[in-house]
Structure formats: structure tokens, C-alpha cells
Amino acid sequence: MKTLYFFFDFLSPYSYLAWQWLSQEHERLQSTGMQVYLRPVPMAIIIKKFVDKGPGEIPPKRDFLFKVVLNRAQDLKIPLACPPKIPFDTYPALRIMASLVDDSARIDFGNKVFSATWGQGLPLTDELLAKILNSMISPDLAKAIQERSQSRETSIMMKGFIREAQEFGVFGVPSFILENGQGTELFWGHDAIGALQSAIAGEAWYNQVEYAKFTRALSAHQD
């Protein structure tokens, strides 16, 4: 059985692009017998394990990457609008996502949060999150979800997601981890989805002979 993990943060516009594919393919992937796990994680913590600065803290890289995001959104005919302030606090939204009890609710919530922030350029406020939850479920259930999102149980769950990402070697978001019974493969970024689809289909997505040469060359240099 194959398993797919999707690590993302609402702060990342590339997560927004990757989410469009994942949310559309979620049911189909599950219908093939694949287990799909949504893993909301704070981007800063994931990145800081490897580097001192994230891409948004390096001005030339930040500026180039956002131009690429705009270009890709245009090609994919996906609306993209810049939120009024970057970075913005996504932790409440990530915790709510973790607190929802089933994937259909998580997909619905993720669609609405991404649509509001990167689709419409709205600020991710507590009021917006409350409005989104109330559009999905009854006010009483929405209040219960918000309370659960602030609980110790949810804190432990979020720490577990972060630890899981670090164990898989995730170094940025969005990242997909594909487990196929023979090991795991990491696919980083929206532009890796094509390679991910090849791997899901059981196709070779890179030249394994040349990759073996590459790893040997790296080992020789490090020695």
C-alpha cells in the first residue's frame, strides 16, 4: 500500500498552488487504496533546522520566487492575490486544521483559508477563521473546534507533525512524502508534482544510474 504525506503551511504561496492539485486529487488517490495524510506545519520551524534564513528573508530570492508564483498561477488559471502583510501568523489556522476530525472537513477548511488569503488577498485574522468555520459547521461545533485547537492535545499533535517532517528530512513546504513499501521519496515544491505523479504510477522519474554516480562523487569529495 502506498502512503502520501503532504506537509504545508498557509503562509506559503507555493503550498497554495500545490494544494489546488492535492485537494482535487485527494478522493481519487484514496480510491486507489492510497492513504493520504494532510500535515499542517509551521514553515519557519521546518526551514530553521537547515538554514538560518528562509526564502522570504533573502530579498532577491524572495522577489524572484514571487514572480514565479505569479507566473505559475497565471498559467494554471488560479487566482493569486498578495495578502496585505507578509509574513502573517498561520499558527491558529494550522491548529484548527489539525483539530478537524475528518479529511472532508480539512479539505473544505484548507480550500477556504487558501482562497481567502492567497486567492483573494485577505488578512488571516481570528475573525476570518471564525467566519470560515461557521460557514462549514454549526456555531456550537465551530466554537468547540476553536477550543480544541488551543488544547494541549492539539499542541502535542502539532509537535508530532513537525517531528514527523524532520524525520522524513522535509526541508521546506510544500513537500510530499511518498511511501511505497520499499522506502520513501521526498518531492519538494509545486513544480515536483509531475515527478510525484510518475512515482505514484510506478515509473522511474530520474536516471538512477547517474544519481548513483552523483552520490559517489559527493562521498569522494567529503572524504
C-alpha atoms as a PDB file:
ATOM      1  CA  MET A   1       0.000   0.000   0.000  1.00  0.00           C
ATOM      2  CA  LYS A   2       1.235   3.468  -0.889  1.00  0.00           C
ATOM      3  CA  THR A   3       1.041   6.371   1.535  1.00  0.00           C
ATOM      4  CA  LEU A   4       1.272  10.069   0.709  1.00  0.00           C
ATOM      5  CA  TYR A   5       2.035  12.797   3.254  1.00  0.00           C
ATOM      6  CA  PHE A   6       1.501  16.449   2.349  1.00  0.00           C
ATOM      7  CA  PHE A   7       3.368  18.980   4.508  1.00  0.00           C
ATOM      8  CA  PHE A   8       2.245  22.578   4.001  1.00  0.00           C
ATOM      9  CA  ASP A   9       1.776  25.988   5.578  1.00  0.00           C
ATOM     10  CA  PHE A  10      -0.861  28.590   4.715  1.00  0.00           C
ATOM     11  CA  LEU A  11       1.957  31.148   4.694  1.00  0.00           C
ATOM     12  CA  SER A  12       3.495  29.606   1.582  1.00  0.00           C
ATOM     13  CA  PRO A  13       2.097  30.644  -1.827  1.00  0.00           C
ATOM     14  CA  TYR A  14       3.720  27.521  -3.275  1.00  0.00           C
ATOM     15  CA  SER A  15       1.673  25.499  -0.762  1.00  0.00           C
ATOM     16  CA  TYR A  16      -1.366  27.301  -2.166  1.00  0.00           C
ATOM     17  CA  LEU A  17      -0.513  26.129  -5.678  1.00  0.00           C
ATOM     18  CA  ALA A  18       0.241  22.564  -4.557  1.00  0.00           C
ATOM     19  CA  TRP A  19      -2.971  22.495  -2.513  1.00  0.00           C
ATOM     20  CA  GLN A  20      -5.003  23.027  -5.700  1.00  0.00           C
ATOM     21  CA  TRP A  21      -3.701  19.726  -7.080  1.00  0.00           C
ATOM     22  CA  LEU A  22      -3.868  17.798  -3.799  1.00  0.00           C
ATOM     23  CA  SER A  23      -7.427  18.881  -2.952  1.00  0.00           C
ATOM     24  CA  GLN A  24      -8.655  17.902  -6.421  1.00  0.00           C
ATOM     25  CA  GLU A  25      -6.837  14.557  -6.446  1.00  0.00           C
ATOM     26  CA  HIS A  26      -7.452  13.604  -2.805  1.00  0.00           C
ATOM     27  CA  GLU A  27     -10.511  11.409  -3.333  1.00  0.00           C
ATOM     28  CA  ARG A  28      -9.135   9.770  -6.474  1.00  0.00           C
ATOM     29  CA  LEU A  29      -5.862   8.893  -4.736  1.00  0.00           C
ATOM     30  CA  GLN A  30      -7.745   7.379  -1.822  1.00  0.00           C
ATOM     31  CA  SER A  31      -9.955   5.402  -4.215  1.00  0.00           C
ATOM     32  CA  THR A  32      -6.832   3.615  -5.454  1.00  0.00           C
ATOM     33  CA  GLY A  33      -6.115   2.422  -1.918  1.00  0.00           C
ATOM     34  CA  MET A  34      -3.551   5.101  -1.116  1.00  0.00           C
ATOM     35  CA  GLN A  35      -3.528   6.598   2.369  1.00  0.00           C
ATOM     36  CA  VAL A  36      -3.280  10.409   2.200  1.00  0.00           C
ATOM     37  CA  TYR A  37      -2.284  12.416   5.274  1.00  0.00           C
ATOM     38  CA  LEU A  38      -2.531  16.206   5.479  1.00  0.00           C
ATOM     39  CA  ARG A  39       0.207  17.651   7.672  1.00  0.00           C
ATOM     40  CA  PRO A  40      -0.096  21.369   8.567  1.00  0.00           C
ATOM     41  CA  VAL A  41       3.301  22.555   9.837  1.00  0.00           C
ATOM     42  CA  PRO A  42       4.829  25.981  10.544  1.00  0.00           C
ATOM     43  CA  MET A  43       7.223  26.713   7.693  1.00  0.00           C
ATOM     44  CA  ALA A  44       9.697  28.661   9.846  1.00  0.00           C
ATOM     45  CA  ILE A  45      10.384  25.731  12.169  1.00  0.00           C
ATOM     46  CA  ILE A  46      10.845  23.313   9.255  1.00  0.00           C
ATOM     47  CA  ILE A  47      13.287  25.609   7.463  1.00  0.00           C
ATOM     48  CA  LYS A  48      15.263  26.712  10.515  1.00  0.00           C
ATOM     49  CA  LYS A  49      16.541  23.192  11.107  1.00  0.00           C
ATOM     50  CA  PHE A  50      18.610  23.525   7.938  1.00  0.00           C
ATOM     51  CA  VAL A  51      19.231  27.224   7.302  1.00  0.00           C
ATOM     52  CA  ASP A  52      19.217  30.470   9.269  1.00  0.00           C
ATOM     53  CA  LYS A  53      17.130  32.338   6.704  1.00  0.00           C
ATOM     54  CA  GLY A  54      14.018  31.279   4.839  1.00  0.00           C
ATOM     55  CA  PRO A  55      13.460  32.239   1.179  1.00  0.00           C
ATOM     56  CA  GLY A  56      11.330  35.206   2.237  1.00  0.00           C
ATOM     57  CA  GLU A  57      14.241  36.617   4.254  1.00  0.00           C
ATOM     58  CA  ILE A  58      16.587  36.786   1.255  1.00  0.00           C
ATOM     59  CA  PRO A  59      15.272  39.765  -0.765  1.00  0.00           C
ATOM     60  CA  PRO A  60      16.498  38.811  -4.283  1.00  0.00           C
ATOM     61  CA  LYS A  61      15.332  35.205  -3.844  1.00  0.00           C
ATOM     62  CA  ARG A  62      12.016  36.317  -2.327  1.00  0.00           C
ATOM     63  CA  ASP A  63      11.327  38.723  -5.191  1.00  0.00           C
ATOM     64  CA  PHE A  64      12.172  36.163  -7.873  1.00  0.00           C
ATOM     65  CA  LEU A  65      10.132  33.392  -6.260  1.00  0.00           C
ATOM     66  CA  PHE A  66       7.026  35.544  -6.014  1.00  0.00           C
ATOM     67  CA  LYS A  67       7.320  36.435  -9.687  1.00  0.00           C
ATOM     68  CA  VAL A  68       7.483  32.699 -10.435  1.00  0.00           C
ATOM     69  CA  VAL A  69       4.414  32.072  -8.257  1.00  0.00           C
ATOM     70  CA  LEU A  70       2.507  34.750 -10.165  1.00  0.00           C
ATOM     71  CA  ASN A  71       3.607  33.221 -13.465  1.00  0.00           C
ATOM     72  CA  ARG A  72       2.553  29.710 -12.456  1.00  0.00           C
ATOM     73  CA  ALA A  73      -0.789  30.855 -11.094  1.00  0.00           C
ATOM     74  CA  GLN A  74      -1.427  32.635 -14.380  1.00  0.00           C
ATOM     75  CA  ASP A  75      -0.525  29.518 -16.396  1.00  0.00           C
ATOM     76  CA  LEU A  76      -2.753  27.361 -14.188  1.00  0.00           C
ATOM     77  CA  LYS A  77      -5.561  29.951 -14.287  1.00  0.00           C
ATOM     78  CA  ILE A  78      -5.582  30.059 -10.489  1.00  0.00           C
ATOM     79  CA  PRO A  79      -6.394  33.411  -8.827  1.00  0.00           C
ATOM     80  CA  LEU A  80      -3.479  34.796  -6.833  1.00  0.00           C
ATOM     81  CA  ALA A  81      -3.560  37.969  -4.744  1.00  0.00           C
ATOM     82  CA  CYS A  82      -0.985  39.115  -2.221  1.00  0.00           C
ATOM     83  CA  PRO A  83      -2.174  39.317   1.410  1.00  0.00           C
ATOM     84  CA  PRO A  84      -1.782  42.790   2.970  1.00  0.00           C
ATOM     85  CA  LYS A  85       1.070  41.744   5.272  1.00  0.00           C
ATOM     86  CA  ILE A  86       3.800  39.124   4.867  1.00  0.00           C
ATOM     87  CA  PRO A  87       4.678  37.153   6.881  1.00  0.00           C
ATOM     88  CA  PHE A  88       1.409  36.554   8.690  1.00  0.00           C
ATOM     89  CA  ASP A  89       0.584  34.314  11.615  1.00  0.00           C
ATOM     90  CA  THR A  90      -0.764  30.975  10.386  1.00  0.00           C
ATOM     91  CA  TYR A  91      -0.448  29.023  13.616  1.00  0.00           C
ATOM     92  CA  PRO A  92      -4.135  29.405  14.649  1.00  0.00           C
ATOM     93  CA  ALA A  93      -5.220  28.157  11.208  1.00  0.00           C
ATOM     94  CA  LEU A  94      -2.750  25.268  11.304  1.00  0.00           C
ATOM     95  CA  ARG A  95      -4.020  24.245  14.733  1.00  0.00           C
ATOM     96  CA  ILE A  96      -7.646  24.398  13.584  1.00  0.00           C
ATOM     97  CA  MET A  97      -6.773  22.254  10.574  1.00  0.00           C
ATOM     98  CA  ALA A  98      -5.194  19.685  12.905  1.00  0.00           C
ATOM     99  CA  SER A  99      -8.283  19.771  15.148  1.00  0.00           C
ATOM    100  CA  LEU A 100     -10.794  18.916  12.431  1.00  0.00           C
ATOM    101  CA  VAL A 101     -11.914  15.310  12.675  1.00  0.00           C
ATOM    102  CA  ASP A 102     -12.078  14.126   9.052  1.00  0.00           C
ATOM    103  CA  ASP A 103     -10.421  14.775   5.716  1.00  0.00           C
ATOM    104  CA  SER A 104     -13.502  16.199   4.022  1.00  0.00           C
ATOM    105  CA  ALA A 105     -13.664  18.937   6.664  1.00  0.00           C
ATOM    106  CA  ARG A 106      -9.912  19.525   6.406  1.00  0.00           C
ATOM    107  CA  ILE A 107     -10.095  19.844   2.623  1.00  0.00           C
ATOM    108  CA  ASP A 108     -13.040  22.247   2.904  1.00  0.00           C
ATOM    109  CA  PHE A 109     -11.250  24.330   5.539  1.00  0.00           C
ATOM    110  CA  GLY A 110      -7.991  24.365   3.582  1.00  0.00           C
ATOM    111  CA  ASN A 111      -9.795  25.408   0.402  1.00  0.00           C
ATOM    112  CA  LYS A 112     -11.459  28.303   2.192  1.00  0.00           C
ATOM    113  CA  VAL A 113      -8.330  29.521   4.006  1.00  0.00           C
ATOM    114  CA  PHE A 114      -6.143  29.391   0.900  1.00  0.00           C
ATOM    115  CA  SER A 115      -8.877  31.011  -1.197  1.00  0.00           C
ATOM    116  CA  ALA A 116      -9.249  33.857   1.295  1.00  0.00           C
ATOM    117  CA  THR A 117      -5.529  34.512   1.801  1.00  0.00           C
ATOM    118  CA  TRP A 118      -3.712  33.801  -1.466  1.00  0.00           C
ATOM    119  CA  GLY A 119      -6.778  33.687  -3.691  1.00  0.00           C
ATOM    120  CA  GLN A 120      -8.353  36.965  -2.538  1.00  0.00           C
ATOM    121  CA  GLY A 121      -5.546  38.653  -0.595  1.00  0.00           C
ATOM    122  CA  LEU A 122      -7.441  38.854   2.711  1.00  0.00           C
ATOM    123  CA  PRO A 123      -5.686  39.072   6.096  1.00  0.00           C
ATOM    124  CA  LEU A 124      -5.764  35.818   8.058  1.00  0.00           C
ATOM    125  CA  THR A 125      -7.465  37.075  11.215  1.00  0.00           C
ATOM    126  CA  ASP A 126      -9.271  35.275  14.027  1.00  0.00           C
ATOM    127  CA  GLU A 127     -12.473  36.801  12.683  1.00  0.00           C
ATOM    128  CA  LEU A 128     -11.857  35.286   9.248  1.00  0.00           C
ATOM    129  CA  LEU A 129     -11.144  31.864  10.749  1.00  0.00           C
ATOM    130  CA  ALA A 130     -14.347  32.034  12.801  1.00  0.00           C
ATOM    131  CA  LYS A 131     -16.308  33.030   9.695  1.00  0.00           C
ATOM    132  CA  ILE A 132     -14.839  30.104   7.734  1.00  0.00           C
ATOM    133  CA  LEU A 133     -15.667  27.599  10.457  1.00  0.00           C
ATOM    134  CA  ASN A 134     -19.206  28.940  10.829  1.00  0.00           C
ATOM    135  CA  SER A 135     -19.709  28.526   7.076  1.00  0.00           C
ATOM    136  CA  MET A 136     -18.805  24.836   7.416  1.00  0.00           C
ATOM    137  CA  ILE A 137     -20.460  23.697  10.630  1.00  0.00           C
ATOM    138  CA  SER A 138     -22.879  24.899  13.305  1.00  0.00           C
ATOM    139  CA  PRO A 139     -21.776  27.735  15.630  1.00  0.00           C
ATOM    140  CA  ASP A 140     -21.602  25.342  18.581  1.00  0.00           C
ATOM    141  CA  LEU A 141     -19.365  22.898  16.720  1.00  0.00           C
ATOM    142  CA  ALA A 142     -17.246  25.778  15.395  1.00  0.00           C
ATOM    143  CA  LYS A 143     -16.712  27.016  18.934  1.00  0.00           C
ATOM    144  CA  ALA A 144     -15.777  23.504  20.062  1.00  0.00           C
ATOM    145  CA  ILE A 145     -13.233  23.172  17.235  1.00  0.00           C
ATOM    146  CA  GLN A 146     -11.659  26.517  18.121  1.00  0.00           C
ATOM    147  CA  GLU A 147     -11.400  25.451  21.769  1.00  0.00           C
ATOM    148  CA  ARG A 148      -9.919  22.100  20.764  1.00  0.00           C
ATOM    149  CA  SER A 149      -7.368  23.874  18.558  1.00  0.00           C
ATOM    150  CA  GLN A 150      -5.994  25.639  21.647  1.00  0.00           C
ATOM    151  CA  SER A 151      -5.778  22.478  23.728  1.00  0.00           C
ATOM    152  CA  ARG A 152      -2.701  20.630  24.931  1.00  0.00           C
ATOM    153  CA  GLU A 153      -3.797  17.671  22.812  1.00  0.00           C
ATOM    154  CA  THR A 154      -3.538  19.764  19.658  1.00  0.00           C
ATOM    155  CA  SER A 155      -0.144  21.136  20.741  1.00  0.00           C
ATOM    156  CA  ILE A 156       1.111  17.569  21.066  1.00  0.00           C
ATOM    157  CA  MET A 157      -0.342  16.716  17.651  1.00  0.00           C
ATOM    158  CA  MET A 158       1.380  19.713  16.016  1.00  0.00           C
ATOM    159  CA  LYS A 159       4.702  18.786  17.610  1.00  0.00           C
ATOM    160  CA  GLY A 160       4.184  15.286  16.237  1.00  0.00           C
ATOM    161  CA  PHE A 161       3.666  16.645  12.716  1.00  0.00           C
ATOM    162  CA  ILE A 162       6.852  18.717  12.999  1.00  0.00           C
ATOM    163  CA  ARG A 163       8.820  15.742  14.314  1.00  0.00           C
ATOM    164  CA  GLU A 164       7.428  13.580  11.520  1.00  0.00           C
ATOM    165  CA  ALA A 165       8.512  16.142   8.915  1.00  0.00           C
ATOM    166  CA  GLN A 166      12.001  16.306  10.389  1.00  0.00           C
ATOM    167  CA  GLU A 167      12.296  12.513  10.445  1.00  0.00           C
ATOM    168  CA  PHE A 168      11.383  12.420   6.759  1.00  0.00           C
ATOM    169  CA  GLY A 169      14.013  15.080   6.043  1.00  0.00           C
ATOM    170  CA  VAL A 170      11.485  17.716   4.960  1.00  0.00           C
ATOM    171  CA  PHE A 171      13.384  20.980   4.472  1.00  0.00           C
ATOM    172  CA  GLY A 172      10.648  23.247   3.148  1.00  0.00           C
ATOM    173  CA  VAL A 173       6.989  23.460   2.183  1.00  0.00           C
ATOM    174  CA  PRO A 174       5.115  22.284   0.299  1.00  0.00           C
ATOM    175  CA  SER A 175       6.598  18.797   0.485  1.00  0.00           C
ATOM    176  CA  PHE A 176       5.137  15.444  -0.445  1.00  0.00           C
ATOM    177  CA  ILE A 177       6.470  12.212   1.038  1.00  0.00           C
ATOM    178  CA  LEU A 178       5.591   9.050  -0.881  1.00  0.00           C
ATOM    179  CA  GLU A 179       5.925   5.692   0.870  1.00  0.00           C
ATOM    180  CA  ASN A 180       5.572   2.645  -1.360  1.00  0.00           C
ATOM    181  CA  GLY A 181       6.664  -0.262   0.811  1.00  0.00           C
ATOM    182  CA  GLN A 182      10.228  -0.078  -0.491  1.00  0.00           C
ATOM    183  CA  GLY A 183      11.156   3.231   1.067  1.00  0.00           C
ATOM    184  CA  THR A 184      10.247   6.898   0.898  1.00  0.00           C
ATOM    185  CA  GLU A 185      10.752   9.648  -1.641  1.00  0.00           C
ATOM    186  CA  LEU A 186      10.559  13.374  -0.940  1.00  0.00           C
ATOM    187  CA  PHE A 187       9.083  15.764  -3.511  1.00  0.00           C
ATOM    188  CA  TRP A 188       9.518  19.452  -2.713  1.00  0.00           C
ATOM    189  CA  GLY A 189       7.590  22.296  -4.274  1.00  0.00           C
ATOM    190  CA  HIS A 190       4.682  22.643  -6.653  1.00  0.00           C
ATOM    191  CA  ASP A 191       6.947  22.000  -9.645  1.00  0.00           C
ATOM    192  CA  ALA A 192       7.708  18.482  -8.334  1.00  0.00           C
ATOM    193  CA  ILE A 193       4.117  17.292  -8.770  1.00  0.00           C
ATOM    194  CA  GLY A 194       4.835  15.895 -12.224  1.00  0.00           C
ATOM    195  CA  ALA A 195       7.655  13.773 -10.797  1.00  0.00           C
ATOM    196  CA  LEU A 196       5.403  12.732  -7.915  1.00  0.00           C
ATOM    197  CA  GLN A 197       2.731  11.568 -10.349  1.00  0.00           C
ATOM    198  CA  SER A 198       5.323   9.469 -12.192  1.00  0.00           C
ATOM    199  CA  ALA A 199       6.463   7.898  -8.915  1.00  0.00           C
ATOM    200  CA  ILE A 200       2.860   7.159  -7.894  1.00  0.00           C
ATOM    201  CA  ALA A 201       2.385   5.393 -11.234  1.00  0.00           C
ATOM    202  CA  GLY A 202       5.479   3.288 -10.530  1.00  0.00           C
ATOM    203  CA  GLU A 203       7.551   4.969 -13.229  1.00  0.00           C
ATOM    204  CA  ALA A 204      11.197   5.975 -12.877  1.00  0.00           C
ATOM    205  CA  TRP A 205      11.265   9.747 -12.509  1.00  0.00           C
ATOM    206  CA  TYR A 206      15.050  10.202 -12.612  1.00  0.00           C
ATOM    207  CA  ASN A 207      18.114   8.402 -14.019  1.00  0.00           C
ATOM    208  CA  GLN A 208      19.096   6.112 -11.169  1.00  0.00           C
ATOM    209  CA  VAL A 209      22.494   5.207 -12.673  1.00  0.00           C
ATOM    210  CA  GLU A 210      23.543   8.847 -12.895  1.00  0.00           C
ATOM    211  CA  TYR A 211      22.165   9.512  -9.416  1.00  0.00           C
ATOM    212  CA  ALA A 212      24.341   6.713  -8.021  1.00  0.00           C
ATOM    213  CA  LYS A 213      27.365   8.351  -9.692  1.00  0.00           C
ATOM    214  CA  PHE A 214      26.353  11.669  -8.158  1.00  0.00           C
ATOM    215  CA  THR A 215      26.184  10.259  -4.620  1.00  0.00           C
ATOM    216  CA  ARG A 216      29.545   8.520  -5.055  1.00  0.00           C
ATOM    217  CA  ALA A 217      31.094  11.759  -6.299  1.00  0.00           C
ATOM    218  CA  LEU A 218      29.727  13.637  -3.285  1.00  0.00           C
ATOM    219  CA  SER A 219      31.071  10.990  -0.905  1.00  0.00           C
ATOM    220  CA  ALA A 220      34.513  11.164  -2.503  1.00  0.00           C
ATOM    221  CA  HIS A 221      34.557  14.956  -2.141  1.00  0.00           C
ATOM    222  CA  GLN A 222      33.514  14.792   1.519  1.00  0.00           C
ATOM    223  CA  ASP A 223      36.200  12.185   2.270  1.00  0.00           C
END
